[in-house]
PDB file of N, CA and C in Angstrom:
ATOM      1  N   UNK A   1       0.640  -1.157   0.238  1.00  0.00           N
ATOM      2  CA  UNK A   1       0.031  -0.026  -0.287  1.00  0.00           C
ATOM      3  C   UNK A   1       0.746   1.103   0.077  1.00  0.00           C
ATOM      4  N   UNK A   2       0.282   1.966  -1.068  1.00  0.00           N
ATOM      5  CA  UNK A   2       1.440   3.568  -0.831  1.00  0.00           C
ATOM      6  C   UNK A   2       1.127   4.790  -0.331  1.00  0.00           C
ATOM      7  N   UNK A   3       1.978   4.551   0.656  1.00  0.00           N
ATOM      8  CA  UNK A   3       1.491   5.987   1.363  1.00  0.00           C
ATOM      9  C   UNK A   3       1.082   7.099   1.411  1.00  0.00           C
ATOM     10  N   UNK A   4       0.183   7.887   2.259  1.00  0.00           N
ATOM     11  CA  UNK A   4      -0.073   9.258   1.549  1.00  0.00           C
ATOM     12  C   UNK A   4       1.236  10.233   1.717  1.00  0.00           C
ATOM     13  N   UNK A   5       1.390  11.228   0.623  1.00  0.00           N
ATOM     14  CA  UNK A   5       2.590  12.124   0.525  1.00  0.00           C
ATOM     15  C   UNK A   5       2.228  13.387   1.804  1.00  0.00           C
ATOM     16  N   UNK A   6       2.776  13.757   2.575  1.00  0.00           N
ATOM     17  CA  UNK A   6       2.564  14.714   3.266  1.00  0.00           C
ATOM     18  C   UNK A   6       2.072  15.963   3.082  1.00  0.00           C
ATOM     19  N   UNK A   7       1.259  16.848   3.137  1.00  0.00           N
ATOM     20  CA  UNK A   7       1.125  17.901   2.492  1.00  0.00           C
ATOM     21  C   UNK A   7       1.893  19.115   2.532  1.00  0.00           C
ATOM     22  N   UNK A   8       2.259  19.533   4.213  1.00  0.00           N
ATOM     23  CA  UNK A   8       3.418  20.104   4.186  1.00  0.00           C
ATOM     24  C   UNK A   8       4.093  19.983   5.621  1.00  0.00           C
ATOM     25  N   UNK A   9       5.045  20.584   5.945  1.00  0.00           N
ATOM     26  CA  UNK A   9       5.847  20.127   7.078  1.00  0.00           C
ATOM     27  C   UNK A   9       5.170  20.570   8.423  1.00  0.00           C
ATOM     28  N   UNK A  10       5.489  19.357   9.154  1.00  0.00           N
ATOM     29  CA  UNK A  10       5.091  19.366  10.637  1.00  0.00           C
ATOM     30  C   UNK A  10       5.604  20.259  11.382  1.00  0.00           C
ATOM     31  N   UNK A  11       4.694  21.412  12.406  1.00  0.00           N
ATOM     32  CA  UNK A  11       5.221  22.032  12.925  1.00  0.00           C
ATOM     33  C   UNK A  11       5.441  21.792  14.455  1.00  0.00           C
ATOM     34  N   UNK A  12       4.748  20.546  14.699  1.00  0.00           N
ATOM     35  CA  UNK A  12       4.495  19.791  16.200  1.00  0.00           C
ATOM     36  C   UNK A  12       5.682  18.957  16.523  1.00  0.00           C
ATOM     37  N   UNK A  13       6.742  19.100  17.138  1.00  0.00           N
ATOM     38  CA  UNK A  13       8.085  18.563  17.537  1.00  0.00           C
ATOM     39  C   UNK A  13       7.496  17.032  17.674  1.00  0.00           C
ATOM     40  N   UNK A  14       8.120  15.898  16.955  1.00  0.00           N
ATOM     41  CA  UNK A  14       7.997  14.544  17.226  1.00  0.00           C
ATOM     42  C   UNK A  14       6.702  13.856  16.207  1.00  0.00           C
ATOM     43  N   UNK A  15       6.240  14.797  15.631  1.00  0.00           N
ATOM     44  CA  UNK A  15       5.110  14.406  15.042  1.00  0.00           C
ATOM     45  C   UNK A  15       4.930  13.895  13.799  1.00  0.00           C
ATOM     46  N   UNK A  16       4.342  12.712  13.346  1.00  0.00           N
ATOM     47  CA  UNK A  16       5.181  11.916  12.112  1.00  0.00           C
ATOM     48  C   UNK A  16       4.381  12.748  11.089  1.00  0.00           C
ATOM     49  N   UNK A  17       4.980  13.283  10.006  1.00  0.00           N
ATOM     50  CA  UNK A  17       4.683  14.207   8.618  1.00  0.00           C
ATOM     51  C   UNK A  17       3.731  13.942   8.087  1.00  0.00           C
ATOM     52  N   UNK A  18       3.275  12.545   8.215  1.00  0.00           N
ATOM     53  CA  UNK A  18       1.828  11.961   7.638  1.00  0.00           C
ATOM     54  C   UNK A  18       0.754  12.493   8.925  1.00  0.00           C
ATOM     55  N   UNK A  19       1.158  13.108   9.515  1.00  0.00           N
ATOM     56  CA  UNK A  19      -0.257  13.737  10.301  1.00  0.00           C
ATOM     57  C   UNK A  19      -0.249  15.066  10.386  1.00  0.00           C
ATOM     58  N   UNK A  20      -0.305  15.488   8.977  1.00  0.00           N
ATOM     59  CA  UNK A  20      -0.061  17.154   9.164  1.00  0.00           C
ATOM     60  C   UNK A  20      -1.464  17.920   9.028  1.00  0.00           C
ATOM     61  N   UNK A  21      -1.888  18.183  10.253  1.00  0.00           N
ATOM     62  CA  UNK A  21      -2.841  19.097  10.542  1.00  0.00           C
ATOM     63  C   UNK A  21      -2.697  20.653  10.689  1.00  0.00           C
ATOM     64  N   UNK A  22      -1.761  20.888   9.660  1.00  0.00           N
ATOM     65  CA  UNK A  22      -1.524  22.527   9.569  1.00  0.00           C
ATOM     66  C   UNK A  22      -2.784  23.240   8.911  1.00  0.00           C
ATOM     67  N   UNK A  23      -3.723  22.092   7.680  1.00  0.00           N
ATOM     68  CA  UNK A  23      -4.792  22.576   7.222  1.00  0.00           C
ATOM     69  C   UNK A  23      -6.326  22.627   8.143  1.00  0.00           C
ATOM     70  N   UNK A  24      -6.016  22.251   9.221  1.00  0.00           N
ATOM     71  CA  UNK A  24      -7.220  22.213  10.455  1.00  0.00           C
ATOM     72  C   UNK A  24      -7.268  24.015  10.663  1.00  0.00           C
ATOM     73  N   UNK A  25      -8.003  24.888  10.299  1.00  0.00           N
ATOM     74  CA  UNK A  25      -8.431  25.966  11.155  1.00  0.00           C
ATOM     75  C   UNK A  25      -8.981  26.017  12.354  1.00  0.00           C
ATOM     76  N   UNK A  26      -8.384  26.544  12.974  1.00  0.00           N
ATOM     77  CA  UNK A  26      -8.879  27.015  14.678  1.00  0.00           C
ATOM     78  C   UNK A  26      -8.734  25.244  15.440  1.00  0.00           C
ATOM     79  N   UNK A  27      -8.075  24.545  14.663  1.00  0.00           N
ATOM     80  CA  UNK A  27      -7.167  23.468  15.854  1.00  0.00           C
ATOM     81  C   UNK A  27      -6.430  23.754  16.838  1.00  0.00           C
ATOM     82  N   UNK A  28      -6.983  23.032  17.721  1.00  0.00           N
ATOM     83  CA  UNK A  28      -6.338  23.279  19.657  1.00  0.00           C
ATOM     84  C   UNK A  28      -5.899  22.078  19.912  1.00  0.00           C
ATOM     85  N   UNK A  29      -4.591  21.953  19.878  1.00  0.00           N
ATOM     86  CA  UNK A  29      -3.677  20.716  20.735  1.00  0.00           C
ATOM     87  C   UNK A  29      -4.202  21.175  21.985  1.00  0.00           C
ATOM     88  N   UNK A  30      -4.634  19.467  22.557  1.00  0.00           N
ATOM     89  CA  UNK A  30      -4.785  19.275  24.174  1.00  0.00           C
ATOM     90  C   UNK A  30      -6.114  20.081  24.504  1.00  0.00           C
ATOM     91  N   UNK A  31      -7.483  20.404  23.480  1.00  0.00           N
ATOM     92  CA  UNK A  31      -8.803  20.996  23.949  1.00  0.00           C
ATOM     93  C   UNK A  31      -9.039  20.278  24.703  1.00  0.00           C
ATOM     94  N   UNK A  32      -9.062  18.888  24.495  1.00  0.00           N
ATOM     95  CA  UNK A  32     -10.548  17.886  25.327  1.00  0.00           C
ATOM     96  C   UNK A  32      -9.340  17.240  26.521  1.00  0.00           C
ATOM     97  N   UNK A  33      -8.306  17.425  26.603  1.00  0.00           N
ATOM     98  CA  UNK A  33      -7.426  16.794  27.453  1.00  0.00           C
ATOM     99  C   UNK A  33      -7.801  16.681  29.115  1.00  0.00           C
ATOM    100  N   UNK A  34      -8.361  17.688  29.335  1.00  0.00           N
ATOM    101  CA  UNK A  34      -9.190  17.746  30.925  1.00  0.00           C
ATOM    102  C   UNK A  34     -10.420  16.808  31.251  1.00  0.00           C
ATOM    103  N   UNK A  35     -11.357  16.873  30.013  1.00  0.00           N
ATOM    104  CA  UNK A  35     -12.026  15.936  30.133  1.00  0.00           C
ATOM    105  C   UNK A  35     -11.910  14.433  29.839  1.00  0.00           C
ATOM    106  N   UNK A  36     -10.921  14.325  28.990  1.00  0.00           N
ATOM    107  CA  UNK A  36     -10.598  13.111  28.879  1.00  0.00           C
ATOM    108  C   UNK A  36     -10.279  12.621  30.161  1.00  0.00           C
ATOM    109  N   UNK A  37      -9.556  13.318  30.977  1.00  0.00           N
ATOM    110  CA  UNK A  37      -8.987  12.757  32.121  1.00  0.00           C
ATOM    111  C   UNK A  37     -10.000  12.752  33.046  1.00  0.00           C
ATOM    112  N   UNK A  38     -10.983  13.571  33.009  1.00  0.00           N
ATOM    113  CA  UNK A  38     -12.338  13.281  34.129  1.00  0.00           C
ATOM    114  C   UNK A  38     -12.848  11.971  33.288  1.00  0.00           C
ATOM    115  N   UNK A  39     -12.671  11.299  32.531  1.00  0.00           N
ATOM    116  CA  UNK A  39     -13.612  10.275  31.653  1.00  0.00           C
ATOM    117  C   UNK A  39     -14.367  10.652  30.792  1.00  0.00           C
ATOM    118  N   UNK A  40     -14.816   9.420  29.933  1.00  0.00           N
ATOM    119  CA  UNK A  40     -15.594  10.020  28.714  1.00  0.00           C
ATOM    120  C   UNK A  40     -16.651   8.885  28.435  1.00  0.00           C
ATOM    121  N   UNK A  41     -17.153   9.290  27.133  1.00  0.00           N
ATOM    122  CA  UNK A  41     -18.173   7.923  26.543  1.00  0.00           C
ATOM    123  C   UNK A  41     -17.586   7.796  25.210  1.00  0.00           C
ATOM    124  N   UNK A  42     -17.715   6.628  24.714  1.00  0.00           N
ATOM    125  CA  UNK A  42     -18.043   6.719  23.507  1.00  0.00           C
ATOM    126  C   UNK A  42     -18.957   5.712  22.955  1.00  0.00           C
ATOM    127  N   UNK A  43     -19.554   6.592  21.846  1.00  0.00           N
ATOM    128  CA  UNK A  43     -20.965   5.935  21.031  1.00  0.00           C
ATOM    129  C   UNK A  43     -20.321   5.108  19.808  1.00  0.00           C
ATOM    130  N   UNK A  44     -21.040   4.232  19.853  1.00  0.00           N
ATOM    131  CA  UNK A  44     -20.427   3.597  18.588  1.00  0.00           C
ATOM    132  C   UNK A  44     -22.058   3.121  17.829  1.00  0.00           C
ATOM    133  N   UNK A  45     -22.633   3.525  16.853  1.00  0.00           N
ATOM    134  CA  UNK A  45     -23.213   3.298  15.575  1.00  0.00           C
ATOM    135  C   UNK A  45     -23.278   2.585  15.125  1.00  0.00           C
ATOM    136  N   UNK A  46     -24.315   1.365  15.101  1.00  0.00           N
ATOM    137  CA  UNK A  46     -23.868   0.356  13.958  1.00  0.00           C
ATOM    138  C   UNK A  46     -24.737   0.176  12.918  1.00  0.00           C
ATOM    139  N   UNK A  47     -24.290  -0.393  11.944  1.00  0.00           N
ATOM    140  CA  UNK A  47     -25.195  -0.668  11.033  1.00  0.00           C
ATOM    141  C   UNK A  47     -26.660  -1.243  10.895  1.00  0.00           C
ATOM    142  N   UNK A  48     -26.924  -1.683  12.170  1.00  0.00           N
ATOM    143  CA  UNK A  48     -28.377  -2.309  12.240  1.00  0.00           C
ATOM    144  C   UNK A  48     -29.368  -1.153  12.756  1.00  0.00           C
ATOM    145  N   UNK A  49     -28.533   0.097  13.028  1.00  0.00           N
ATOM    146  CA  UNK A  49     -29.119   1.346  13.812  1.00  0.00           C
ATOM    147  C   UNK A  49     -29.177   1.354  15.039  1.00  0.00           C
ATOM    148  N   UNK A  50     -28.282   0.083  15.918  1.00  0.00           N
ATOM    149  CA  UNK A  50     -28.023   0.489  17.348  1.00  0.00           C
ATOM    150  C   UNK A  50     -27.348   1.190  17.710  1.00  0.00           C
ATOM    151  N   UNK A  51     -27.320   1.765  18.405  1.00  0.00           N
ATOM    152  CA  UNK A  51     -26.122   2.333  19.547  1.00  0.00           C
ATOM    153  C   UNK A  51     -25.399   1.322  20.791  1.00  0.00           C
ATOM    154  N   UNK A  52     -24.239   1.442  20.759  1.00  0.00           N
ATOM    155  CA  UNK A  52     -23.575   0.745  21.612  1.00  0.00           C
ATOM    156  C   UNK A  52     -22.900   1.710  22.077  1.00  0.00           C
ATOM    157  N   UNK A  53     -22.971   2.117  23.736  1.00  0.00           N
ATOM    158  CA  UNK A  53     -22.108   3.042  24.435  1.00  0.00           C
ATOM    159  C   UNK A  53     -20.968   2.484  25.476  1.00  0.00           C
ATOM    160  N   UNK A  54     -19.878   3.065  25.514  1.00  0.00           N
ATOM    161  CA  UNK A  54     -19.098   2.553  26.104  1.00  0.00           C
ATOM    162  C   UNK A  54     -18.226   3.547  27.033  1.00  0.00           C
ATOM    163  N   UNK A  55     -18.004   3.597  28.275  1.00  0.00           N
ATOM    164  CA  UNK A  55     -17.688   4.546  29.296  1.00  0.00           C
ATOM    165  C   UNK A  55     -16.331   4.145  29.343  1.00  0.00           C
ATOM    166  N   UNK A  56     -15.472   5.288  29.663  1.00  0.00           N
ATOM    167  CA  UNK A  56     -14.038   4.825  29.673  1.00  0.00           C
ATOM    168  C   UNK A  56     -13.352   6.274  30.918  1.00  0.00           C
ATOM    169  N   UNK A  57     -12.829   5.712  32.001  1.00  0.00           N
ATOM    170  CA  UNK A  57     -12.251   6.364  32.835  1.00  0.00           C
ATOM    171  C   UNK A  57     -10.677   5.797  33.227  1.00  0.00           C
ATOM    172  N   UNK A  58     -10.072   6.742  33.748  1.00  0.00           N
ATOM    173  CA  UNK A  58      -8.435   6.513  34.183  1.00  0.00           C
ATOM    174  C   UNK A  58      -8.777   6.045  35.834  1.00  0.00           C
ATOM    175  N   UNK A  59      -8.238   4.808  35.864  1.00  0.00           N
ATOM    176  CA  UNK A  59      -8.034   3.905  36.871  1.00  0.00           C
ATOM    177  C   UNK A  59      -7.681   4.814  38.024  1.00  0.00           C
ATOM    178  N   UNK A  60      -7.997   4.497  39.415  1.00  0.00           N
ATOM    179  CA  UNK A  60      -7.751   5.228  40.658  1.00  0.00           C
ATOM    180  C   UNK A  60      -6.215   5.316  40.629  1.00  0.00           C
ATOM    181  N   UNK A  61      -5.521   5.754  40.929  1.00  0.00           N
ATOM    182  CA  UNK A  61      -4.030   6.125  41.124  1.00  0.00           C
ATOM    183  C   UNK A  61      -3.232   6.000  39.832  1.00  0.00           C
ATOM    184  N   UNK A  62      -3.797   6.052  38.549  1.00  0.00           N
ATOM    185  CA  UNK A  62      -3.181   6.579  37.291  1.00  0.00           C
ATOM    186  C   UNK A  62      -2.551   7.380  37.019  1.00  0.00           C
ATOM    187  N   UNK A  63      -1.697   7.691  36.210  1.00  0.00           N
ATOM    188  CA  UNK A  63      -0.828   8.939  36.437  1.00  0.00           C
ATOM    189  C   UNK A  63      -0.091   8.873  34.680  1.00  0.00           C
ATOM    190  N   UNK A  64      -0.586  10.198  34.357  1.00  0.00           N
ATOM    191  CA  UNK A  64      -0.134  10.212  32.733  1.00  0.00           C
ATOM    192  C   UNK A  64       1.460  11.021  32.782  1.00  0.00           C
ATOM    193  N   UNK A  65       2.595  10.424  31.550  1.00  0.00           N
ATOM    194  CA  UNK A  65       3.386  11.327  31.824  1.00  0.00           C
ATOM    195  C   UNK A  65       3.384  11.806  30.933  1.00  0.00           C
ATOM    196  N   UNK A  66       4.450  12.792  30.660  1.00  0.00           N
ATOM    197  CA  UNK A  66       4.065  13.915  29.734  1.00  0.00           C
ATOM    198  C   UNK A  66       5.134  13.048  28.539  1.00  0.00           C
ATOM    199  N   UNK A  67       5.065  13.391  27.451  1.00  0.00           N
ATOM    200  CA  UNK A  67       5.886  12.776  26.624  1.00  0.00           C
ATOM    201  C   UNK A  67       7.746  12.962  26.567  1.00  0.00           C
ATOM    202  N   UNK A  68       8.073  14.165  27.408  1.00  0.00           N
ATOM    203  CA  UNK A  68       9.421  13.846  27.353  1.00  0.00           C
ATOM    204  C   UNK A  68       9.934  12.979  28.656  1.00  0.00           C
ATOM    205  N   UNK A  69       9.218  12.750  29.340  1.00  0.00           N
ATOM    206  CA  UNK A  69       9.262  11.676  30.299  1.00  0.00           C
ATOM    207  C   UNK A  69       9.080  10.694  30.127  1.00  0.00           C
ATOM    208  N   UNK A  70       8.099  10.639  28.913  1.00  0.00           N
ATOM    209  CA  UNK A  70       8.101   9.360  28.779  1.00  0.00           C
ATOM    210  C   UNK A  70       8.606   8.489  27.924  1.00  0.00           C
ATOM    211  N   UNK A  71       9.550   9.264  27.418  1.00  0.00           N
ATOM    212  CA  UNK A  71      10.814   8.653  26.549  1.00  0.00           C
ATOM    213  C   UNK A  71      11.934   7.952  27.212  1.00  0.00           C
ATOM    214  N   UNK A  72      11.904   8.526  28.953  1.00  0.00           N
ATOM    215  CA  UNK A  72      12.757   8.016  29.708  1.00  0.00           C
ATOM    216  C   UNK A  72      12.609   6.704  30.353  1.00  0.00           C
ATOM    217  N   UNK A  73      11.212   6.909  30.374  1.00  0.00           N
ATOM    218  CA  UNK A  73      10.281   5.822  31.603  1.00  0.00           C
ATOM    219  C   UNK A  73       9.375   5.030  30.618  1.00  0.00           C
ATOM    220  N   UNK A  74       9.229   3.776  29.446  1.00  0.00           N
ATOM    221  CA  UNK A  74       8.278   3.660  28.793  1.00  0.00           C
ATOM    222  C   UNK A  74       7.158   2.881  29.156  1.00  0.00           C
ATOM    223  N   UNK A  75       7.494   2.492  30.645  1.00  0.00           N
ATOM    224  CA  UNK A  75       6.450   1.447  31.348  1.00  0.00           C
ATOM    225  C   UNK A  75       6.340   1.874  32.654  1.00  0.00           C
ATOM    226  N   UNK A  76       4.891   1.129  33.354  1.00  0.00           N
ATOM    227  CA  UNK A  76       5.063   1.201  34.593  1.00  0.00           C
ATOM    228  C   UNK A  76       6.298   1.114  35.325  1.00  0.00           C
ATOM    229  N   UNK A  77       6.598  -0.446  35.309  1.00  0.00           N
ATOM    230  CA  UNK A  77       7.991  -1.148  36.054  1.00  0.00           C
ATOM    231  C   UNK A  77       9.380   0.125  35.846  1.00  0.00           C
ATOM    232  N   UNK A  78       9.426   0.564  34.630  1.00  0.00           N
ATOM    233  CA  UNK A  78      10.301   1.619  35.154  1.00  0.00           C
ATOM    234  C   UNK A  78      10.707   3.069  35.402  1.00  0.00           C
ATOM    235  N   UNK A  79       8.978   3.291  35.725  1.00  0.00           N
ATOM    236  CA  UNK A  79       8.970   4.471  36.368  1.00  0.00           C
ATOM    237  C   UNK A  79       8.881   4.289  38.148  1.00  0.00           C
ATOM    238  N   UNK A  80       8.551   2.833  38.309  1.00  0.00           N
ATOM    239  CA  UNK A  80       8.139   2.460  39.920  1.00  0.00           C
ATOM    240  C   UNK A  80       9.663   2.403  39.904  1.00  0.00           C
ATOM    241  N   UNK A  81      10.581   2.028  39.036  1.00  0.00           N
ATOM    242  CA  UNK A  81      11.897   1.583  39.988  1.00  0.00           C
ATOM    243  C   UNK A  81      12.804   3.100  39.904  1.00  0.00           C
ATOM    244  N   UNK A  82      12.582   3.827  39.326  1.00  0.00           N
ATOM    245  CA  UNK A  82      13.149   5.227  39.407  1.00  0.00           C
ATOM    246  C   UNK A  82      12.509   5.591  40.798  1.00  0.00           C
ATOM    247  N   UNK A  83      11.452   5.734  40.896  1.00  0.00           N
ATOM    248  CA  UNK A  83      11.036   6.299  42.263  1.00  0.00           C
ATOM    249  C   UNK A  83      11.435   5.638  43.390  1.00  0.00           C
ATOM    250  N   UNK A  84      11.567   4.121  43.134  1.00  0.00           N
ATOM    251  CA  UNK A  84      11.740   3.360  44.257  1.00  0.00           C
ATOM    252  C   UNK A  84      13.375   3.762  44.432  1.00  0.00           C
ATOM    253  N   UNK A  85      14.130   4.316  44.025  1.00  0.00           N
ATOM    254  CA  UNK A  85      15.531   4.397  44.003  1.00  0.00           C
ATOM    255  C   UNK A  85      15.631   6.007  44.610  1.00  0.00           C
ATOM    256  N   UNK A  86      14.645   6.703  44.052  1.00  0.00           N
ATOM    257  CA  UNK A  86      14.388   8.017  44.634  1.00  0.00           C
ATOM    258  C   UNK A  86      13.953   7.894  46.364  1.00  0.00           C
ATOM    259  N   UNK A  87      13.182   7.117  46.346  1.00  0.00           N
ATOM    260  CA  UNK A  87      12.810   7.103  47.907  1.00  0.00           C
ATOM    261  C   UNK A  87      13.653   6.278  48.779  1.00  0.00           C
ATOM    262  N   UNK A  88      14.676   5.656  48.255  1.00  0.00           N
ATOM    263  CA  UNK A  88      15.807   5.301  49.342  1.00  0.00           C
ATOM    264  C   UNK A  88      16.735   6.454  49.523  1.00  0.00           C
ATOM    265  N   UNK A  89      16.770   7.287  49.013  1.00  0.00           N
ATOM    266  CA  UNK A  89      18.060   8.356  49.775  1.00  0.00           C
ATOM    267  C   UNK A  89      17.186   9.618  49.836  1.00  0.00           C
ATOM    268  N   UNK A  90      15.739   9.601  50.204  1.00  0.00           N
ATOM    269  CA  UNK A  90      15.257  10.737  51.016  1.00  0.00           C
ATOM    270  C   UNK A  90      15.614  10.072  52.510  1.00  0.00           C
ATOM    271  N   UNK A  91      15.069  11.498  52.825  1.00  0.00           N
ATOM    272  CA  UNK A  91      15.593  11.433  54.476  1.00  0.00           C
ATOM    273  C   UNK A  91      14.627  10.555  55.159  1.00  0.00           C
ATOM    274  N   UNK A  92      14.849   9.670  56.032  1.00  0.00           N
ATOM    275  CA  UNK A  92      14.451   8.615  56.507  1.00  0.00           C
ATOM    276  C   UNK A  92      13.014   9.404  57.019  1.00  0.00           C
ATOM    277  N   UNK A  93      13.030  10.236  57.529  1.00  0.00           N
ATOM    278  CA  UNK A  93      11.597  11.024  58.261  1.00  0.00           C
ATOM    279  C   UNK A  93      10.540  11.075  57.460  1.00  0.00           C
ATOM    280  N   UNK A  94      11.051  11.448  55.914  1.00  0.00           N
ATOM    281  CA  UNK A  94       9.974  11.739  54.771  1.00  0.00           C
ATOM    282  C   UNK A  94       9.664  10.542  54.495  1.00  0.00           C
ATOM    283  N   UNK A  95      10.275   9.463  54.505  1.00  0.00           N
ATOM    284  CA  UNK A  95      10.148   7.843  53.737  1.00  0.00           C
ATOM    285  C   UNK A  95       9.004   7.389  54.997  1.00  0.00           C
ATOM    286  N   UNK A  96       9.159   7.597  56.386  1.00  0.00           N
ATOM    287  CA  UNK A  96       8.497   7.059  57.183  1.00  0.00           C
ATOM    288  C   UNK A  96       7.031   7.028  56.931  1.00  0.00           C
ATOM    289  N   UNK A  97       6.550   8.463  56.281  1.00  0.00           N
ATOM    290  CA  UNK A  97       5.173   8.295  56.331  1.00  0.00           C
ATOM    291  C   UNK A  97       4.628   7.636  55.059  1.00  0.00           C
ATOM    292  N   UNK A  98       5.577   7.091  54.223  1.00  0.00           N
ATOM    293  CA  UNK A  98       4.765   6.338  52.861  1.00  0.00           C
ATOM    294  C   UNK A  98       5.173   4.829  53.397  1.00  0.00           C
ATOM    295  N   UNK A  99       4.707   4.206  52.194  1.00  0.00           N
ATOM    296  CA  UNK A  99       4.778   2.954  52.420  1.00  0.00           C
ATOM    297  C   UNK A  99       5.203   2.281  51.125  1.00  0.00           C
ATOM    298  N   UNK A 100       5.758   0.940  51.182  1.00  0.00           N
ATOM    299  CA  UNK A 100       5.684   0.229  49.783  1.00  0.00           C
ATOM    300  C   UNK A 100       4.653  -0.747  49.958  1.00  0.00           C
ATOM    301  N   UNK A 101       4.422  -0.934  48.625  1.00  0.00           N
ATOM    302  CA  UNK A 101       3.572  -2.451  48.379  1.00  0.00           C
ATOM    303  C   UNK A 101       3.844  -3.528  47.618  1.00  0.00           C
TER     304      UNK A 101
END
């Protein structure tokens, strides 16, 4: 399958050229970010004219990493390992109030 030619240079750092949104007037990056974090629903309209509704919400304790941090910590395991290393070097008074699971 032939790839689509990009229409113009991407101005967003790290964005693939095939995702060129420069033609979209009034587009705002992250416009629905807060609402997404709070939870959202997805309506799927099927050919048989029925609608399926699915609700999504981040699980308690879920944390979203910024893209620059995600480069260095691509998994939950890597984040937890790094944070545990920091916990070990924290003064013991501050560490006593937290707990390991």
